[in-house]
Amino acid sequence: MTKISSSRTSPDAAAEADAALDEAVDEELEPQAASTPVQQTPAISRQKFLHLVDEDTEAFNRIMNVFSMPKGTDEEKAARSAALQEATLYATQVPLRTMQTSFKVFEIVKAMAEQGNPNSVTDAGVGALAARSAVLGACLNVKINAAGLKDRAVADDLIGQANRIVADAEKAEREILEIVESKIK
């Protein structure tokens, strides 16, 4: 049986970073025209995360639609199997994109920790924790969905990409928390 899972933590990570920045985020990922180094970091659009939520819903719907396909003949079974693989690949790629987008939050919260208001440095730490949670949650979804892929080379590649993002996220989180800790002592 194919499993599909989704992650809803990423918008929370972006919201935490956004609140700490006290800036409205742009529609696209681009440097903000602003006067401070923190304000000049890339902004991550809520729209981008909401789009990923919609894609996650679409991935789930694609899987569910496959289960309603006929399976009476060999041709129908083959078509259903191919459709399931296509839907499962999409359902694996969506959380990987969520991981990639969530990882971008670290740049914002690192700038906040280094250059932002010292009174809100802990918000940067919470943003880093939320971003890591978003990355790890989406990684779990990559792994469970990749398990349903017959093409193991593709599955292994997607899982490898996800694992690299996790390692980078854990490193970024540690660095940011060290900055936060140094400023609250």
C-alpha atoms as a PDB file:
ATOM      1  CA  MET A   1       0.000   0.000   0.000  1.00  0.00           C
ATOM      2  CA  THR A   2       1.305   3.432  -0.855  1.00  0.00           C
ATOM      3  CA  LYS A   3       1.599   5.855   2.009  1.00  0.00           C
ATOM      4  CA  ILE A   4       1.544   9.571   1.572  1.00  0.00           C
ATOM      5  CA  SER A   5       2.298  12.030   4.245  1.00  0.00           C
ATOM      6  CA  SER A   6       2.458  15.786   4.434  1.00  0.00           C
ATOM      7  CA  SER A   7       4.110  18.462   6.502  1.00  0.00           C
ATOM      8  CA  ARG A   8       2.493  21.643   7.727  1.00  0.00           C
ATOM      9  CA  THR A   9       5.308  23.043   9.886  1.00  0.00           C
ATOM     10  CA  SER A  10       7.042  25.186   7.251  1.00  0.00           C
ATOM     11  CA  PRO A  11       4.571  28.088   7.298  1.00  0.00           C
ATOM     12  CA  ASP A  12       5.071  28.249  11.073  1.00  0.00           C
ATOM     13  CA  ALA A  13       8.837  28.552  10.637  1.00  0.00           C
ATOM     14  CA  ALA A  14       8.416  31.316   8.117  1.00  0.00           C
ATOM     15  CA  ALA A  15       5.898  33.081  10.338  1.00  0.00           C
ATOM     16  CA  GLU A  16       8.290  32.981  13.286  1.00  0.00           C
ATOM     17  CA  ALA A  17      11.076  34.480  11.196  1.00  0.00           C
ATOM     18  CA  ASP A  18       8.666  37.015   9.754  1.00  0.00           C
ATOM     19  CA  ALA A  19       7.412  38.074  13.174  1.00  0.00           C
ATOM     20  CA  ALA A  20      10.910  38.484  14.519  1.00  0.00           C
ATOM     21  CA  LEU A  21      11.940  40.536  11.500  1.00  0.00           C
ATOM     22  CA  ASP A  22       8.794  42.631  11.942  1.00  0.00           C
ATOM     23  CA  GLU A  23       8.742  42.911   8.171  1.00  0.00           C
ATOM     24  CA  ALA A  24       6.121  41.965   5.637  1.00  0.00           C
ATOM     25  CA  VAL A  25       7.547  39.332   3.315  1.00  0.00           C
ATOM     26  CA  ASP A  26       7.698  39.804  -0.436  1.00  0.00           C
ATOM     27  CA  GLU A  27       5.788  37.836  -3.039  1.00  0.00           C
ATOM     28  CA  GLU A  28       9.011  36.327  -4.383  1.00  0.00           C
ATOM     29  CA  LEU A  29      12.382  35.441  -2.915  1.00  0.00           C
ATOM     30  CA  GLU A  30      14.438  38.570  -3.498  1.00  0.00           C
ATOM     31  CA  PRO A  31      16.464  41.018  -1.422  1.00  0.00           C
ATOM     32  CA  GLN A  32      14.365  43.601   0.301  1.00  0.00           C
ATOM     33  CA  ALA A  33      15.081  47.250  -0.318  1.00  0.00           C
ATOM     34  CA  ALA A  34      15.848  48.283   3.229  1.00  0.00           C
ATOM     35  CA  SER A  35      18.380  50.132   5.283  1.00  0.00           C
ATOM     36  CA  THR A  36      19.678  47.485   7.712  1.00  0.00           C
ATOM     37  CA  PRO A  37      21.580  44.261   6.988  1.00  0.00           C
ATOM     38  CA  VAL A  38      18.788  42.208   8.569  1.00  0.00           C
ATOM     39  CA  GLN A  39      16.193  43.832   6.331  1.00  0.00           C
ATOM     40  CA  GLN A  40      18.379  43.156   3.285  1.00  0.00           C
ATOM     41  CA  THR A  41      18.272  39.371   3.705  1.00  0.00           C
ATOM     42  CA  PRO A  42      16.060  37.437   1.282  1.00  0.00           C
ATOM     43  CA  ALA A  43      12.441  37.298   2.246  1.00  0.00           C
ATOM     44  CA  ILE A  44      10.498  34.095   1.927  1.00  0.00           C
ATOM     45  CA  SER A  45       6.995  34.525   0.742  1.00  0.00           C
ATOM     46  CA  ARG A  46       4.067  33.210   2.690  1.00  0.00           C
ATOM     47  CA  GLN A  47       2.626  32.705  -0.772  1.00  0.00           C
ATOM     48  CA  LYS A  48       5.453  30.260  -1.571  1.00  0.00           C
ATOM     49  CA  PHE A  49       4.672  28.206   1.520  1.00  0.00           C
ATOM     50  CA  LEU A  50       0.946  28.355   0.856  1.00  0.00           C
ATOM     51  CA  HIS A  51       1.633  27.180  -2.686  1.00  0.00           C
ATOM     52  CA  LEU A  52       3.573  24.247  -1.237  1.00  0.00           C
ATOM     53  CA  VAL A  53       0.619  23.423   1.026  1.00  0.00           C
ATOM     54  CA  ASP A  54      -1.591  23.424  -2.059  1.00  0.00           C
ATOM     55  CA  GLU A  55       0.890  21.195  -3.880  1.00  0.00           C
ATOM     56  CA  ASP A  56       0.909  18.839  -0.914  1.00  0.00           C
ATOM     57  CA  THR A  57      -2.877  18.618  -1.102  1.00  0.00           C
ATOM     58  CA  GLU A  58      -2.638  18.029  -4.859  1.00  0.00           C
ATOM     59  CA  ALA A  59      -0.106  15.221  -4.266  1.00  0.00           C
ATOM     60  CA  PHE A  60      -2.483  13.548  -1.840  1.00  0.00           C
ATOM     61  CA  ASN A  61      -5.380  13.931  -4.274  1.00  0.00           C
ATOM     62  CA  ARG A  62      -3.348  12.389  -7.089  1.00  0.00           C
ATOM     63  CA  ILE A  63      -2.663   9.315  -4.955  1.00  0.00           C
ATOM     64  CA  MET A  64      -6.317   9.038  -3.984  1.00  0.00           C
ATOM     65  CA  ASN A  65      -7.412   9.401  -7.618  1.00  0.00           C
ATOM     66  CA  VAL A  66      -5.224   6.449  -8.571  1.00  0.00           C
ATOM     67  CA  PHE A  67      -7.090   4.251  -6.128  1.00  0.00           C
ATOM     68  CA  SER A  68     -10.325   5.002  -7.931  1.00  0.00           C
ATOM     69  CA  MET A  69      -8.925   3.847 -11.286  1.00  0.00           C
ATOM     70  CA  PRO A  70     -10.239   0.585 -12.680  1.00  0.00           C
ATOM     71  CA  LYS A  71      -8.155  -2.545 -12.217  1.00  0.00           C
ATOM     72  CA  GLY A  72     -10.172  -5.257 -13.946  1.00  0.00           C
ATOM     73  CA  THR A  73      -7.888  -5.945 -16.908  1.00  0.00           C
ATOM     74  CA  ASP A  74      -4.131  -6.249 -17.285  1.00  0.00           C
ATOM     75  CA  GLU A  75      -4.103  -2.962 -19.208  1.00  0.00           C
ATOM     76  CA  GLU A  76      -6.032  -1.221 -16.454  1.00  0.00           C
ATOM     77  CA  LYS A  77      -3.705  -2.657 -13.827  1.00  0.00           C
ATOM     78  CA  ALA A  78      -0.671  -1.462 -15.797  1.00  0.00           C
ATOM     79  CA  ALA A  79      -2.158   2.015 -16.245  1.00  0.00           C
ATOM     80  CA  ARG A  80      -3.005   2.167 -12.553  1.00  0.00           C
ATOM     81  CA  SER A  81       0.492   1.053 -11.556  1.00  0.00           C
ATOM     82  CA  ALA A  82       2.105   3.667 -13.826  1.00  0.00           C
ATOM     83  CA  ALA A  83      -0.210   6.383 -12.507  1.00  0.00           C
ATOM     84  CA  LEU A  84       0.592   5.380  -8.935  1.00  0.00           C
ATOM     85  CA  GLN A  85       4.325   5.661  -9.607  1.00  0.00           C
ATOM     86  CA  GLU A  86       3.877   9.081 -11.206  1.00  0.00           C
ATOM     87  CA  ALA A  87       1.717  10.298  -8.311  1.00  0.00           C
ATOM     88  CA  THR A  88       4.144   8.873  -5.751  1.00  0.00           C
ATOM     89  CA  LEU A  89       7.087  10.603  -7.412  1.00  0.00           C
ATOM     90  CA  TYR A  90       5.226  13.916  -7.243  1.00  0.00           C
ATOM     91  CA  ALA A  91       4.271  13.212  -3.622  1.00  0.00           C
ATOM     92  CA  THR A  92       7.977  12.734  -2.877  1.00  0.00           C
ATOM     93  CA  GLN A  93       9.161  15.816  -4.762  1.00  0.00           C
ATOM     94  CA  VAL A  94       6.741  18.197  -3.036  1.00  0.00           C
ATOM     95  CA  PRO A  95       8.131  17.731   0.503  1.00  0.00           C
ATOM     96  CA  LEU A  96      11.654  17.944  -0.931  1.00  0.00           C
ATOM     97  CA  ARG A  97      10.760  21.381  -2.319  1.00  0.00           C
ATOM     98  CA  THR A  98       9.281  22.205   1.076  1.00  0.00           C
ATOM     99  CA  MET A  99      12.607  21.290   2.657  1.00  0.00           C
ATOM    100  CA  GLN A 100      14.512  23.479   0.207  1.00  0.00           C
ATOM    101  CA  THR A 101      12.236  26.444   0.829  1.00  0.00           C
ATOM    102  CA  SER A 102      12.225  25.953   4.597  1.00  0.00           C
ATOM    103  CA  PHE A 103      16.006  25.858   4.642  1.00  0.00           C
ATOM    104  CA  LYS A 104      16.067  29.425   3.311  1.00  0.00           C
ATOM    105  CA  VAL A 105      14.615  30.592   6.637  1.00  0.00           C
ATOM    106  CA  PHE A 106      18.015  29.996   8.249  1.00  0.00           C
ATOM    107  CA  GLU A 107      19.595  32.872   6.329  1.00  0.00           C
ATOM    108  CA  ILE A 108      16.975  35.238   7.692  1.00  0.00           C
ATOM    109  CA  VAL A 109      17.180  34.100  11.302  1.00  0.00           C
ATOM    110  CA  LYS A 110      20.985  34.045  11.238  1.00  0.00           C
ATOM    111  CA  ALA A 111      21.008  37.686  10.109  1.00  0.00           C
ATOM    112  CA  MET A 112      18.495  38.452  12.864  1.00  0.00           C
ATOM    113  CA  ALA A 113      20.670  36.755  15.477  1.00  0.00           C
ATOM    114  CA  GLU A 114      23.831  38.488  14.318  1.00  0.00           C
ATOM    115  CA  GLN A 115      22.552  41.964  13.515  1.00  0.00           C
ATOM    116  CA  GLY A 116      19.019  42.293  14.788  1.00  0.00           C
ATOM    117  CA  ASN A 117      17.632  43.839  17.917  1.00  0.00           C
ATOM    118  CA  PRO A 118      19.364  42.182  20.902  1.00  0.00           C
ATOM    119  CA  ASN A 119      16.051  42.181  22.759  1.00  0.00           C
ATOM    120  CA  SER A 120      14.554  39.843  20.150  1.00  0.00           C
ATOM    121  CA  VAL A 121      17.541  37.557  19.646  1.00  0.00           C
ATOM    122  CA  THR A 122      15.624  34.665  21.166  1.00  0.00           C
ATOM    123  CA  ASP A 123      13.050  35.051  18.396  1.00  0.00           C
ATOM    124  CA  ALA A 124      15.851  34.231  15.972  1.00  0.00           C
ATOM    125  CA  GLY A 125      16.606  31.112  18.006  1.00  0.00           C
ATOM    126  CA  VAL A 126      12.971  30.041  17.940  1.00  0.00           C
ATOM    127  CA  GLY A 127      12.920  30.708  14.194  1.00  0.00           C
ATOM    128  CA  ALA A 128      15.927  28.399  13.770  1.00  0.00           C
ATOM    129  CA  LEU A 129      14.223  25.683  15.836  1.00  0.00           C
ATOM    130  CA  ALA A 130      11.025  26.012  13.794  1.00  0.00           C
ATOM    131  CA  ALA A 131      12.938  25.954  10.505  1.00  0.00           C
ATOM    132  CA  ARG A 132      14.761  22.774  11.527  1.00  0.00           C
ATOM    133  CA  SER A 133      11.463  21.179  12.509  1.00  0.00           C
ATOM    134  CA  ALA A 134      10.005  22.095   9.126  1.00  0.00           C
ATOM    135  CA  VAL A 135      12.990  20.566   7.336  1.00  0.00           C
ATOM    136  CA  LEU A 136      12.937  17.383   9.437  1.00  0.00           C
ATOM    137  CA  GLY A 137       9.176  16.956   9.134  1.00  0.00           C
ATOM    138  CA  ALA A 138       9.275  17.313   5.376  1.00  0.00           C
ATOM    139  CA  CYS A 139      12.216  14.885   5.253  1.00  0.00           C
ATOM    140  CA  LEU A 140      10.116  12.231   6.948  1.00  0.00           C
ATOM    141  CA  ASN A 141       7.539  12.730   4.221  1.00  0.00           C
ATOM    142  CA  VAL A 142      10.172  12.420   1.496  1.00  0.00           C
ATOM    143  CA  LYS A 143      11.318   9.129   3.001  1.00  0.00           C
ATOM    144  CA  ILE A 144       7.883   7.564   3.495  1.00  0.00           C
ATOM    145  CA  ASN A 145       6.751   8.544   0.013  1.00  0.00           C
ATOM    146  CA  ALA A 146      10.028   7.489  -1.634  1.00  0.00           C
ATOM    147  CA  ALA A 147       9.520   4.040  -0.122  1.00  0.00           C
ATOM    148  CA  GLY A 148       6.675   3.554  -2.615  1.00  0.00           C
ATOM    149  CA  LEU A 149       8.822   4.267  -5.668  1.00  0.00           C
ATOM    150  CA  LYS A 150       9.836   1.251  -7.733  1.00  0.00           C
ATOM    151  CA  ASP A 151      12.734   3.144  -9.305  1.00  0.00           C
ATOM    152  CA  ARG A 152      15.144   2.789  -6.412  1.00  0.00           C
ATOM    153  CA  ALA A 153      17.803   4.969  -8.042  1.00  0.00           C
ATOM    154  CA  VAL A 154      15.358   7.888  -8.155  1.00  0.00           C
ATOM    155  CA  ALA A 155      14.156   7.157  -4.623  1.00  0.00           C
ATOM    156  CA  ASP A 156      17.708   6.970  -3.296  1.00  0.00           C
ATOM    157  CA  ASP A 157      18.612  10.226  -5.022  1.00  0.00           C
ATOM    158  CA  LEU A 158      15.617  12.034  -3.518  1.00  0.00           C
ATOM    159  CA  ILE A 159      16.382  10.632  -0.063  1.00  0.00           C
ATOM    160  CA  GLY A 160      20.042  11.596  -0.465  1.00  0.00           C
ATOM    161  CA  GLN A 161      19.069  15.176  -1.323  1.00  0.00           C
ATOM    162  CA  ALA A 162      16.762  15.251   1.686  1.00  0.00           C
ATOM    163  CA  ASN A 163      19.449  13.905   4.015  1.00  0.00           C
ATOM    164  CA  ARG A 164      21.912  16.565   2.828  1.00  0.00           C
ATOM    165  CA  ILE A 165      19.396  19.320   3.529  1.00  0.00           C
ATOM    166  CA  VAL A 166      18.792  17.870   7.008  1.00  0.00           C
ATOM    167  CA  ALA A 167      22.526  17.870   7.747  1.00  0.00           C
ATOM    168  CA  ASP A 168      22.821  21.460   6.542  1.00  0.00           C
ATOM    169  CA  ALA A 169      19.765  22.482   8.586  1.00  0.00           C
ATOM    170  CA  GLU A 170      21.116  20.911  11.758  1.00  0.00           C
ATOM    171  CA  LYS A 171      24.437  22.701  11.233  1.00  0.00           C
ATOM    172  CA  ALA A 172      22.708  26.038  10.582  1.00  0.00           C
ATOM    173  CA  GLU A 173      20.528  25.596  13.642  1.00  0.00           C
ATOM    174  CA  ARG A 174      23.572  24.905  15.853  1.00  0.00           C
ATOM    175  CA  GLU A 175      25.359  27.981  14.520  1.00  0.00           C
ATOM    176  CA  ILE A 176      22.360  30.221  15.097  1.00  0.00           C
ATOM    177  CA  LEU A 177      21.711  28.877  18.583  1.00  0.00           C
ATOM    178  CA  GLU A 178      25.372  29.491  19.467  1.00  0.00           C
ATOM    179  CA  ILE A 179      24.974  33.114  18.369  1.00  0.00           C
ATOM    180  CA  VAL A 180      21.760  33.436  20.382  1.00  0.00           C
ATOM    181  CA  GLU A 181      23.321  31.867  23.473  1.00  0.00           C
ATOM    182  CA  SER A 182      26.335  34.169  23.251  1.00  0.00           C
ATOM    183  CA  LYS A 183      24.088  37.228  23.183  1.00  0.00           C
ATOM    184  CA  ILE A 184      21.856  36.268  26.117  1.00  0.00           C
ATOM    185  CA  LYS A 185      24.636  35.536  28.604  1.00  0.00           C
END
